[in-house]
Structures are given as structure tokens and as C-alpha cells.
Amino acid sequence: MQGELDVWERGSDMVLAAHFTPVKRGTTTTLETVRFQRPERIDFRLARGPVPHVVESFLLEPAKAGTTLTWQGELGTDFWALGAWWGERVARHWEAAVRRSVAAITVEAERRAHSREYS
């Protein structure tokens, strides 16, 4: 995720980070808190971005074949119909960014699991 994330401040279970997301005309930057409840949960809360409210969580649960990852998120807007219209556009980019992140995480997790099998 190098180049996509810049940690501004770090605590024992939380970071404040700038996240860079490619969009049609460049890159947008959001600022969010990321809280870690190891090993089962990672929570994100938008501090600054294109909409007034975003929270999301990645939940990790043991499964027979490894780990089940569940993503849940909520995006809120203001300004009635105009806000709803804008929120739909932001949601498309947000969900695409989540899909890209999950794909990259999956590749890395599988690489690590595979390397442990042959160590």
C-alpha cells in the first residue's frame, strides 16, 4: 500500500492516516482514523473527505480453510437530493477502492501462507 497511505500519527491501537484514492481526474485524499482490535477487527472513521460521514469495518473470523473477512460500511451525506446524488458517485469510488485493497491483501496473505508452507 506504499504510495496509497501516509500515516500522520500513530498510537498503540489507532492511527490517523491520509489515504490517496485515484479518481477520474487525479487523486483524492481522505483523512481517517484506523483503530485495530487485534486480531478480529479493524475500524475506519472518516475525519476529512468528500462526504460528511463514512464508517467501515473489516471483521476477521477463523474458518476451516483459514479466515473469513467481512466488510461493512456506511456512507452518509447531507443537502438532500444533491447530497444523495453526490453520495452515489463517492460510493462507487469508495467501493472500488475497497475491492482493490481487499484484492491486494488477499494476494499478500496467500503469498505469506504459501511461503510458510515451504519454510
C-alpha atoms as a PDB file:
ATOM      1  CA  MET A   1       0.000   0.000   0.000  1.00  0.00           C
ATOM      2  CA  GLN A   2       3.045   2.205  -0.259  1.00  0.00           C
ATOM      3  CA  GLY A   3       2.079   5.364  -2.115  1.00  0.00           C
ATOM      4  CA  GLU A   4      -1.596   4.954  -1.188  1.00  0.00           C
ATOM      5  CA  LEU A   5      -1.304   5.727   2.512  1.00  0.00           C
ATOM      6  CA  ASP A   6       0.577   8.179   4.719  1.00  0.00           C
ATOM      7  CA  VAL A   7       0.388   7.655   8.486  1.00  0.00           C
ATOM      8  CA  TRP A   8       0.316  11.069  10.168  1.00  0.00           C
ATOM      9  CA  GLU A   9       0.089   9.909  13.773  1.00  0.00           C
ATOM     10  CA  ARG A  10       0.413   6.523  15.455  1.00  0.00           C
ATOM     11  CA  GLY A  11      -0.862   5.241  18.818  1.00  0.00           C
ATOM     12  CA  SER A  12      -0.949   1.823  20.458  1.00  0.00           C
ATOM     13  CA  ASP A  13      -4.215   0.753  18.782  1.00  0.00           C
ATOM     14  CA  MET A  14      -5.031   3.596  16.374  1.00  0.00           C
ATOM     15  CA  VAL A  15      -3.507   5.635  13.566  1.00  0.00           C
ATOM     16  CA  LEU A  16      -4.507   8.840  11.818  1.00  0.00           C
ATOM     17  CA  ALA A  17      -3.743   8.385   8.141  1.00  0.00           C
ATOM     18  CA  ALA A  18      -4.144  10.134   4.809  1.00  0.00           C
ATOM     19  CA  HIS A  19      -5.398   7.762   2.118  1.00  0.00           C
ATOM     20  CA  PHE A  20      -4.883   8.566  -1.564  1.00  0.00           C
ATOM     21  CA  THR A  21      -7.508   7.218  -3.981  1.00  0.00           C
ATOM     22  CA  PRO A  22      -7.219   7.518  -7.767  1.00  0.00           C
ATOM     23  CA  VAL A  23     -10.277   9.109  -9.391  1.00  0.00           C
ATOM     24  CA  LYS A  24     -11.119  10.103 -12.934  1.00  0.00           C
ATOM     25  CA  ARG A  25      -9.241  13.409 -12.773  1.00  0.00           C
ATOM     26  CA  GLY A  26      -6.323  12.731 -10.464  1.00  0.00           C
ATOM     27  CA  THR A  27      -6.232  11.631  -6.849  1.00  0.00           C
ATOM     28  CA  THR A  28      -8.452  12.451  -3.901  1.00  0.00           C
ATOM     29  CA  THR A  29      -7.136  12.475  -0.340  1.00  0.00           C
ATOM     30  CA  THR A  30      -9.158  11.450   2.677  1.00  0.00           C
ATOM     31  CA  LEU A  31      -8.079  11.604   6.291  1.00  0.00           C
ATOM     32  CA  GLU A  32      -9.273   8.806   8.534  1.00  0.00           C
ATOM     33  CA  THR A  33      -8.718   7.169  11.871  1.00  0.00           C
ATOM     34  CA  VAL A  34      -7.967   3.460  11.816  1.00  0.00           C
ATOM     35  CA  ARG A  35      -8.500   1.531  15.038  1.00  0.00           C
ATOM     36  CA  PHE A  36      -7.172  -2.007  15.491  1.00  0.00           C
ATOM     37  CA  GLN A  37      -8.853  -4.555  17.776  1.00  0.00           C
ATOM     38  CA  ARG A  38      -6.482  -7.428  17.191  1.00  0.00           C
ATOM     39  CA  PRO A  39      -6.965  -9.981  15.911  1.00  0.00           C
ATOM     40  CA  GLU A  40     -10.617  -9.705  14.939  1.00  0.00           C
ATOM     41  CA  ARG A  41     -11.451  -6.177  13.794  1.00  0.00           C
ATOM     42  CA  ILE A  42     -10.234  -3.022  12.026  1.00  0.00           C
ATOM     43  CA  ASP A  43     -12.468   0.086  12.147  1.00  0.00           C
ATOM     44  CA  PHE A  44     -12.181   3.179   9.958  1.00  0.00           C
ATOM     45  CA  ARG A  45     -13.811   6.576  10.516  1.00  0.00           C
ATOM     46  CA  LEU A  46     -13.605   9.454   8.062  1.00  0.00           C
ATOM     47  CA  ALA A  47     -12.176  12.654   9.551  1.00  0.00           C
ATOM     48  CA  ARG A  48     -11.967  14.648   6.306  1.00  0.00           C
ATOM     49  CA  GLY A  49     -13.179  13.733   2.854  1.00  0.00           C
ATOM     50  CA  PRO A  50     -15.727  14.208   0.100  1.00  0.00           C
ATOM     51  CA  VAL A  51     -18.757  13.396   2.291  1.00  0.00           C
ATOM     52  CA  PRO A  52     -19.534  14.193   5.925  1.00  0.00           C
ATOM     53  CA  HIS A  53     -19.833  10.629   7.223  1.00  0.00           C
ATOM     54  CA  VAL A  54     -18.114   7.330   6.478  1.00  0.00           C
ATOM     55  CA  VAL A  55     -17.501   4.453   8.865  1.00  0.00           C
ATOM     56  CA  GLU A  56     -16.398   0.989   7.880  1.00  0.00           C
ATOM     57  CA  SER A  57     -15.129  -2.196   9.468  1.00  0.00           C
ATOM     58  CA  PHE A  58     -13.223  -5.276   8.418  1.00  0.00           C
ATOM     59  CA  LEU A  59     -14.145  -8.251  10.590  1.00  0.00           C
ATOM     60  CA  LEU A  60     -11.898 -11.325  10.676  1.00  0.00           C
ATOM     61  CA  GLU A  61     -13.189 -14.682  11.885  1.00  0.00           C
ATOM     62  CA  PRO A  62     -11.489 -18.074  11.989  1.00  0.00           C
ATOM     63  CA  ALA A  63     -12.783 -20.533   9.392  1.00  0.00           C
ATOM     64  CA  LYS A  64     -11.914 -24.118   8.464  1.00  0.00           C
ATOM     65  CA  ALA A  65      -9.913 -23.047   5.431  1.00  0.00           C
ATOM     66  CA  GLY A  66      -8.270 -20.025   7.068  1.00  0.00           C
ATOM     67  CA  THR A  67     -10.009 -16.729   7.834  1.00  0.00           C
ATOM     68  CA  THR A  68     -13.293 -15.170   6.751  1.00  0.00           C
ATOM     69  CA  LEU A  69     -13.111 -11.443   6.021  1.00  0.00           C
ATOM     70  CA  THR A  70     -16.341  -9.425   6.177  1.00  0.00           C
ATOM     71  CA  TRP A  71     -16.502  -5.764   5.169  1.00  0.00           C
ATOM     72  CA  GLN A  72     -19.278  -3.456   6.275  1.00  0.00           C
ATOM     73  CA  GLY A  73     -19.563   0.247   5.638  1.00  0.00           C
ATOM     74  CA  GLU A  74     -21.866   3.225   5.933  1.00  0.00           C
ATOM     75  CA  LEU A  75     -21.712   6.464   3.965  1.00  0.00           C
ATOM     76  CA  GLY A  76     -23.834   9.477   4.897  1.00  0.00           C
ATOM     77  CA  THR A  77     -24.489  12.730   3.080  1.00  0.00           C
ATOM     78  CA  ASP A  78     -26.280  15.998   3.663  1.00  0.00           C
ATOM     79  CA  PHE A  79     -28.017  18.502   1.317  1.00  0.00           C
ATOM     80  CA  TRP A  80     -30.965  16.196   0.496  1.00  0.00           C
ATOM     81  CA  ALA A  81     -31.233  15.212  -3.198  1.00  0.00           C
ATOM     82  CA  LEU A  82     -27.959  16.913  -4.162  1.00  0.00           C
ATOM     83  CA  GLY A  83     -26.157  15.105  -1.335  1.00  0.00           C
ATOM     84  CA  ALA A  84     -27.706  11.774  -2.316  1.00  0.00           C
ATOM     85  CA  TRP A  85     -26.579  12.304  -5.918  1.00  0.00           C
ATOM     86  CA  TRP A  86     -23.032  13.124  -4.765  1.00  0.00           C
ATOM     87  CA  GLY A  87     -23.015  10.228  -2.291  1.00  0.00           C
ATOM     88  CA  GLU A  88     -23.795   7.743  -5.066  1.00  0.00           C
ATOM     89  CA  ARG A  89     -20.776   8.939  -7.026  1.00  0.00           C
ATOM     90  CA  VAL A  90     -18.486   8.865  -3.994  1.00  0.00           C
ATOM     91  CA  ALA A  91     -19.770   5.394  -3.034  1.00  0.00           C
ATOM     92  CA  ARG A  92     -18.760   3.980  -6.429  1.00  0.00           C
ATOM     93  CA  HIS A  93     -15.161   5.124  -5.956  1.00  0.00           C
ATOM     94  CA  TRP A  94     -15.128   4.089  -2.297  1.00  0.00           C
ATOM     95  CA  GLU A  95     -16.352   0.572  -3.064  1.00  0.00           C
ATOM     96  CA  ALA A  96     -13.867   0.222  -5.938  1.00  0.00           C
ATOM     97  CA  ALA A  97     -11.053   1.285  -3.582  1.00  0.00           C
ATOM     98  CA  VAL A  98     -12.196  -1.318  -1.026  1.00  0.00           C
ATOM     99  CA  ARG A  99     -12.244  -4.025  -3.732  1.00  0.00           C
ATOM    100  CA  ARG A 100      -8.688  -3.092  -4.810  1.00  0.00           C
ATOM    101  CA  SER A 101      -7.476  -3.129  -1.196  1.00  0.00           C
ATOM    102  CA  VAL A 102      -9.079  -6.493  -0.455  1.00  0.00           C
ATOM    103  CA  ALA A 103      -7.582  -7.959  -3.646  1.00  0.00           C
ATOM    104  CA  ALA A 104      -4.090  -6.716  -2.679  1.00  0.00           C
ATOM    105  CA  ILE A 105      -4.493  -8.003   0.886  1.00  0.00           C
ATOM    106  CA  THR A 106      -5.650 -11.390  -0.424  1.00  0.00           C
ATOM    107  CA  VAL A 107      -2.621 -11.716  -2.708  1.00  0.00           C
ATOM    108  CA  GLU A 108      -0.230 -10.836   0.121  1.00  0.00           C
ATOM    109  CA  ALA A 109      -1.949 -13.151   2.641  1.00  0.00           C
ATOM    110  CA  GLU A 110      -1.831 -16.051   0.187  1.00  0.00           C
ATOM    111  CA  ARG A 111       1.831 -15.320  -0.605  1.00  0.00           C
ATOM    112  CA  ARG A 112       2.689 -15.370   3.103  1.00  0.00           C
ATOM    113  CA  ALA A 113       0.714 -18.558   3.719  1.00  0.00           C
ATOM    114  CA  HIS A 114       2.392 -20.216   0.750  1.00  0.00           C
ATOM    115  CA  SER A 115       5.888 -19.155   1.882  1.00  0.00           C
ATOM    116  CA  ARG A 116       5.222 -20.578   5.386  1.00  0.00           C
ATOM    117  CA  GLU A 117       4.254 -23.932   3.849  1.00  0.00           C
ATOM    118  CA  TYR A 118       7.690 -24.226   2.255  1.00  0.00           C
ATOM    119  CA  SER A 119       9.787 -22.774   5.083  1.00  0.00           C
END
